Amino acid sequence: MISMVFLIPAGFGFVVWRSFKSAEVRRARGEQISTPGALRWEADETQR
């Protein structure tokens, strides 16, 4: 039971860390990271 207190957050942290690392690798290869056709908010859109 006590091991789950440590394993669940550690597992979640590992998944998040893997996500960031795989995004870095894809960005370095020049691949598109975002979903095609997704709407993205940009800061200059609200300052009109």
PDB file of N, CA and C in Angstrom:
ATOM      1  N   MET A   1       0.815  -1.193   0.000  1.00  0.00           N
ATOM      2  CA  MET A   1       0.000   0.000   0.000  1.00  0.00           C
ATOM      3  C   MET A   1       0.861   1.260   0.000  1.00  0.00           C
ATOM      4  N   ILE A   2       1.853   1.289   0.863  1.00  0.00           N
ATOM      5  CA  ILE A   2       2.713   2.467   0.923  1.00  0.00           C
ATOM      6  C   ILE A   2       3.540   2.618  -0.356  1.00  0.00           C
ATOM      7  N   SER A   3       3.834   1.504  -0.998  1.00  0.00           N
ATOM      8  CA  SER A   3       4.593   1.596  -2.252  1.00  0.00           C
ATOM      9  C   SER A   3       3.778   2.278  -3.350  1.00  0.00           C
ATOM     10  N   MET A   4       2.463   2.134  -3.304  1.00  0.00           N
ATOM     11  CA  MET A   4       1.610   2.793  -4.302  1.00  0.00           C
ATOM     12  C   MET A   4       1.656   4.309  -4.145  1.00  0.00           C
ATOM     13  N   VAL A   5       1.869   4.787  -2.924  1.00  0.00           N
ATOM     14  CA  VAL A   5       1.968   6.228  -2.678  1.00  0.00           C
ATOM     15  C   VAL A   5       3.144   6.805  -3.455  1.00  0.00           C
ATOM     16  N   PHE A   6       4.179   6.022  -3.625  1.00  0.00           N
ATOM     17  CA  PHE A   6       5.358   6.489  -4.363  1.00  0.00           C
ATOM     18  C   PHE A   6       5.312   6.094  -5.834  1.00  0.00           C
ATOM     19  N   LEU A   7       4.769   4.920  -6.139  1.00  0.00           N
ATOM     20  CA  LEU A   7       4.777   4.433  -7.516  1.00  0.00           C
ATOM     21  C   LEU A   7       3.828   5.202  -8.432  1.00  0.00           C
ATOM     22  N   ILE A   8       2.674   5.588  -7.953  1.00  0.00           N
ATOM     23  CA  ILE A   8       1.716   6.298  -8.808  1.00  0.00           C
ATOM     24  C   ILE A   8       2.260   7.668  -9.232  1.00  0.00           C
ATOM     25  N   PRO A   9       2.726   8.524  -8.306  1.00  0.00           N
ATOM     26  CA  PRO A   9       3.308   9.803  -8.752  1.00  0.00           C
ATOM     27  C   PRO A   9       4.582   9.623  -9.591  1.00  0.00           C
ATOM     28  N   ALA A  10       5.388   8.631  -9.257  1.00  0.00           N
ATOM     29  CA  ALA A  10       6.604   8.392 -10.033  1.00  0.00           C
ATOM     30  C   ALA A  10       6.247   7.942 -11.449  1.00  0.00           C
ATOM     31  N   GLY A  11       5.258   7.095 -11.588  1.00  0.00           N
ATOM     32  CA  GLY A  11       4.818   6.647 -12.913  1.00  0.00           C
ATOM     33  C   GLY A  11       4.257   7.798 -13.728  1.00  0.00           C
ATOM     34  N   PHE A  12       3.457   8.644 -13.102  1.00  0.00           N
ATOM     35  CA  PHE A  12       2.910   9.809 -13.790  1.00  0.00           C
ATOM     36  C   PHE A  12       4.032  10.750 -14.220  1.00  0.00           C
ATOM     37  N   GLY A  13       4.988  10.979 -13.338  1.00  0.00           N
ATOM     38  CA  GLY A  13       6.136  11.830 -13.668  1.00  0.00           C
ATOM     39  C   GLY A  13       6.937  11.268 -14.828  1.00  0.00           C
ATOM     40  N   PHE A  14       7.105   9.959 -14.856  1.00  0.00           N
ATOM     41  CA  PHE A  14       7.828   9.325 -15.958  1.00  0.00           C
ATOM     42  C   PHE A  14       7.104   9.523 -17.287  1.00  0.00           C
ATOM     43  N   VAL A  15       5.781   9.376 -17.286  1.00  0.00           N
ATOM     44  CA  VAL A  15       4.996   9.549 -18.515  1.00  0.00           C
ATOM     45  C   VAL A  15       5.107  10.987 -19.018  1.00  0.00           C
ATOM     46  N   VAL A  16       5.021  11.949 -18.113  1.00  0.00           N
ATOM     47  CA  VAL A  16       5.141  13.352 -18.505  1.00  0.00           C
ATOM     48  C   VAL A  16       6.548  13.632 -19.042  1.00  0.00           C
ATOM     49  N   TRP A  17       7.569  13.128 -18.371  1.00  0.00           N
ATOM     50  CA  TRP A  17       8.952  13.324 -18.805  1.00  0.00           C
ATOM     51  C   TRP A  17       9.181  12.727 -20.191  1.00  0.00           C
ATOM     52  N   ARG A  18       8.644  11.514 -20.430  1.00  0.00           N
ATOM     53  CA  ARG A  18       8.766  10.875 -21.749  1.00  0.00           C
ATOM     54  C   ARG A  18       8.095  11.705 -22.836  1.00  0.00           C
ATOM     55  N   SER A  19       6.960  12.294 -22.505  1.00  0.00           N
ATOM     56  CA  SER A  19       6.233  13.120 -23.462  1.00  0.00           C
ATOM     57  C   SER A  19       7.078  14.322 -23.888  1.00  0.00           C
ATOM     58  N   PHE A  20       7.681  14.992 -22.928  1.00  0.00           N
ATOM     59  CA  PHE A  20       8.517  16.142 -23.257  1.00  0.00           C
ATOM     60  C   PHE A  20       9.742  15.726 -24.063  1.00  0.00           C
ATOM     61  N   LYS A  21      10.364  14.627 -23.699  1.00  0.00           N
ATOM     62  CA  LYS A  21      11.556  14.165 -24.420  1.00  0.00           C
ATOM     63  C   LYS A  21      11.220  13.754 -25.848  1.00  0.00           C
ATOM     64  N   SER A  22      10.093  13.061 -26.047  1.00  0.00           N
ATOM     65  CA  SER A  22       9.736  12.654 -27.409  1.00  0.00           C
ATOM     66  C   SER A  22       9.369  13.872 -28.251  1.00  0.00           C
ATOM     67  N   ALA A  23       8.769  14.899 -27.643  1.00  0.00           N
ATOM     68  CA  ALA A  23       8.464  16.136 -28.375  1.00  0.00           C
ATOM     69  C   ALA A  23       9.751  16.838 -28.802  1.00  0.00           C
ATOM     70  N   GLU A  24      10.762  16.834 -27.944  1.00  0.00           N
ATOM     71  CA  GLU A  24      12.055  17.429 -28.299  1.00  0.00           C
ATOM     72  C   GLU A  24      12.678  16.714 -29.491  1.00  0.00           C
ATOM     73  N   VAL A  25      12.621  15.395 -29.489  1.00  0.00           N
ATOM     74  CA  VAL A  25      13.202  14.613 -30.578  1.00  0.00           C
ATOM     75  C   VAL A  25      12.470  14.891 -31.889  1.00  0.00           C
ATOM     76  N   ARG A  26      11.138  14.917 -31.834  1.00  0.00           N
ATOM     77  CA  ARG A  26      10.366  15.192 -33.049  1.00  0.00           C
ATOM     78  C   ARG A  26      10.608  16.613 -33.545  1.00  0.00           C
ATOM     79  N   ARG A  27      10.715  17.573 -32.631  1.00  0.00           N
ATOM     80  CA  ARG A  27      10.985  18.953 -33.021  1.00  0.00           C
ATOM     81  C   ARG A  27      12.365  19.056 -33.684  1.00  0.00           C
ATOM     82  N   ALA A  28      13.347  18.328 -33.158  1.00  0.00           N
ATOM     83  CA  ALA A  28      14.690  18.337 -33.726  1.00  0.00           C
ATOM     84  C   ALA A  28      14.703  17.739 -35.133  1.00  0.00           C
ATOM     85  N   ARG A  29      13.836  16.763 -35.377  1.00  0.00           N
ATOM     86  CA  ARG A  29      13.731  16.161 -36.715  1.00  0.00           C
ATOM     87  C   ARG A  29      12.918  17.014 -37.670  1.00  0.00           C
ATOM     88  N   GLY A  30      12.256  18.045 -37.157  1.00  0.00           N
ATOM     89  CA  GLY A  30      11.452  18.923 -37.993  1.00  0.00           C
ATOM     90  C   GLY A  30      10.031  18.452 -38.193  1.00  0.00           C
ATOM     91  N   GLU A  31       9.603  17.474 -37.407  1.00  0.00           N
ATOM     92  CA  GLU A  31       8.238  16.969 -37.524  1.00  0.00           C
ATOM     93  C   GLU A  31       7.269  17.917 -36.833  1.00  0.00           C
ATOM     94  N   GLN A  32       6.015  17.891 -37.261  1.00  0.00           N
ATOM     95  CA  GLN A  32       4.990  18.712 -36.631  1.00  0.00           C
ATOM     96  C   GLN A  32       4.563  18.049 -35.331  1.00  0.00           C
ATOM     97  N   ILE A  33       4.543  18.819 -34.264  1.00  0.00           N
ATOM     98  CA  ILE A  33       4.209  18.268 -32.957  1.00  0.00           C
ATOM     99  C   ILE A  33       2.723  18.399 -32.674  1.00  0.00           C
ATOM    100  N   SER A  34       2.125  19.501 -33.081  1.00  0.00           N
ATOM    101  CA  SER A  34       0.710  19.708 -32.789  1.00  0.00           C
ATOM    102  C   SER A  34      -0.161  18.889 -33.728  1.00  0.00           C
ATOM    103  N   THR A  35      -1.399  18.724 -33.349  1.00  0.00           N
ATOM    104  CA  THR A  35      -2.366  18.006 -34.163  1.00  0.00           C
ATOM    105  C   THR A  35      -2.679  18.828 -35.412  1.00  0.00           C
ATOM    106  N   PRO A  36      -2.620  18.235 -36.596  1.00  0.00           N
ATOM    107  CA  PRO A  36      -2.932  18.992 -37.809  1.00  0.00           C
ATOM    108  C   PRO A  36      -4.347  19.566 -37.757  1.00  0.00           C
ATOM    109  N   GLY A  37      -4.479  20.826 -38.104  1.00  0.00           N
ATOM    110  CA  GLY A  37      -5.776  21.473 -38.113  1.00  0.00           C
ATOM    111  C   GLY A  37      -6.225  21.996 -36.765  1.00  0.00           C
ATOM    112  N   ALA A  38      -5.408  21.849 -35.735  1.00  0.00           N
ATOM    113  CA  ALA A  38      -5.793  22.328 -34.407  1.00  0.00           C
ATOM    114  C   ALA A  38      -5.686  23.851 -34.358  1.00  0.00           C
ATOM    115  N   LEU A  39      -6.640  24.470 -33.694  1.00  0.00           N
ATOM    116  CA  LEU A  39      -6.596  25.916 -33.518  1.00  0.00           C
ATOM    117  C   LEU A  39      -5.672  26.236 -32.355  1.00  0.00           C
ATOM    118  N   ARG A  40      -4.790  27.174 -32.581  1.00  0.00           N
ATOM    119  CA  ARG A  40      -3.831  27.557 -31.543  1.00  0.00           C
ATOM    120  C   ARG A  40      -4.034  29.010 -31.169  1.00  0.00           C
ATOM    121  N   TRP A  41      -3.999  29.308 -29.887  1.00  0.00           N
ATOM    122  CA  TRP A  41      -4.103  30.670 -29.411  1.00  0.00           C
ATOM    123  C   TRP A  41      -2.714  31.281 -29.408  1.00  0.00           C
ATOM    124  N   GLU A  42      -2.612  32.509 -29.907  1.00  0.00           N
ATOM    125  CA  GLU A  42      -1.354  33.230 -29.880  1.00  0.00           C
ATOM    126  C   GLU A  42      -1.577  34.551 -29.168  1.00  0.00           C
ATOM    127  N   ALA A  43      -0.587  35.043 -28.462  1.00  0.00           N
ATOM    128  CA  ALA A  43      -0.726  36.230 -27.619  1.00  0.00           C
ATOM    129  C   ALA A  43      -1.140  37.457 -28.411  1.00  0.00           C
ATOM    130  N   ASP A  44      -0.667  37.629 -29.648  1.00  0.00           N
ATOM    131  CA  ASP A  44      -0.980  38.834 -30.409  1.00  0.00           C
ATOM    132  C   ASP A  44      -2.431  38.869 -30.898  1.00  0.00           C
ATOM    133  N   GLU A  45      -3.154  37.769 -30.812  1.00  0.00           N
ATOM    134  CA  GLU A  45      -4.543  37.737 -31.247  1.00  0.00           C
ATOM    135  C   GLU A  45      -5.458  38.514 -30.311  1.00  0.00           C
ATOM    136  N   THR A  46      -5.110  38.616 -29.037  1.00  0.00           N
ATOM    137  CA  THR A  46      -5.981  39.296 -28.077  1.00  0.00           C
ATOM    138  C   THR A  46      -5.656  40.776 -27.934  1.00  0.00           C
ATOM    139  N   GLN A  47      -4.547  41.220 -28.475  1.00  0.00           N
ATOM    140  CA  GLN A  47      -4.126  42.605 -28.304  1.00  0.00           C
ATOM    141  C   GLN A  47      -4.486  43.454 -29.519  1.00  0.00           C
ATOM    142  N   ARG A  48      -5.673  43.306 -30.017  1.00  0.00           N
ATOM    143  CA  ARG A  48      -6.099  44.080 -31.181  1.00  0.00           C
ATOM    144  C   ARG A  48      -6.918  45.256 -30.755  1.00  0.00           C
TER     145      ARG A  48
END
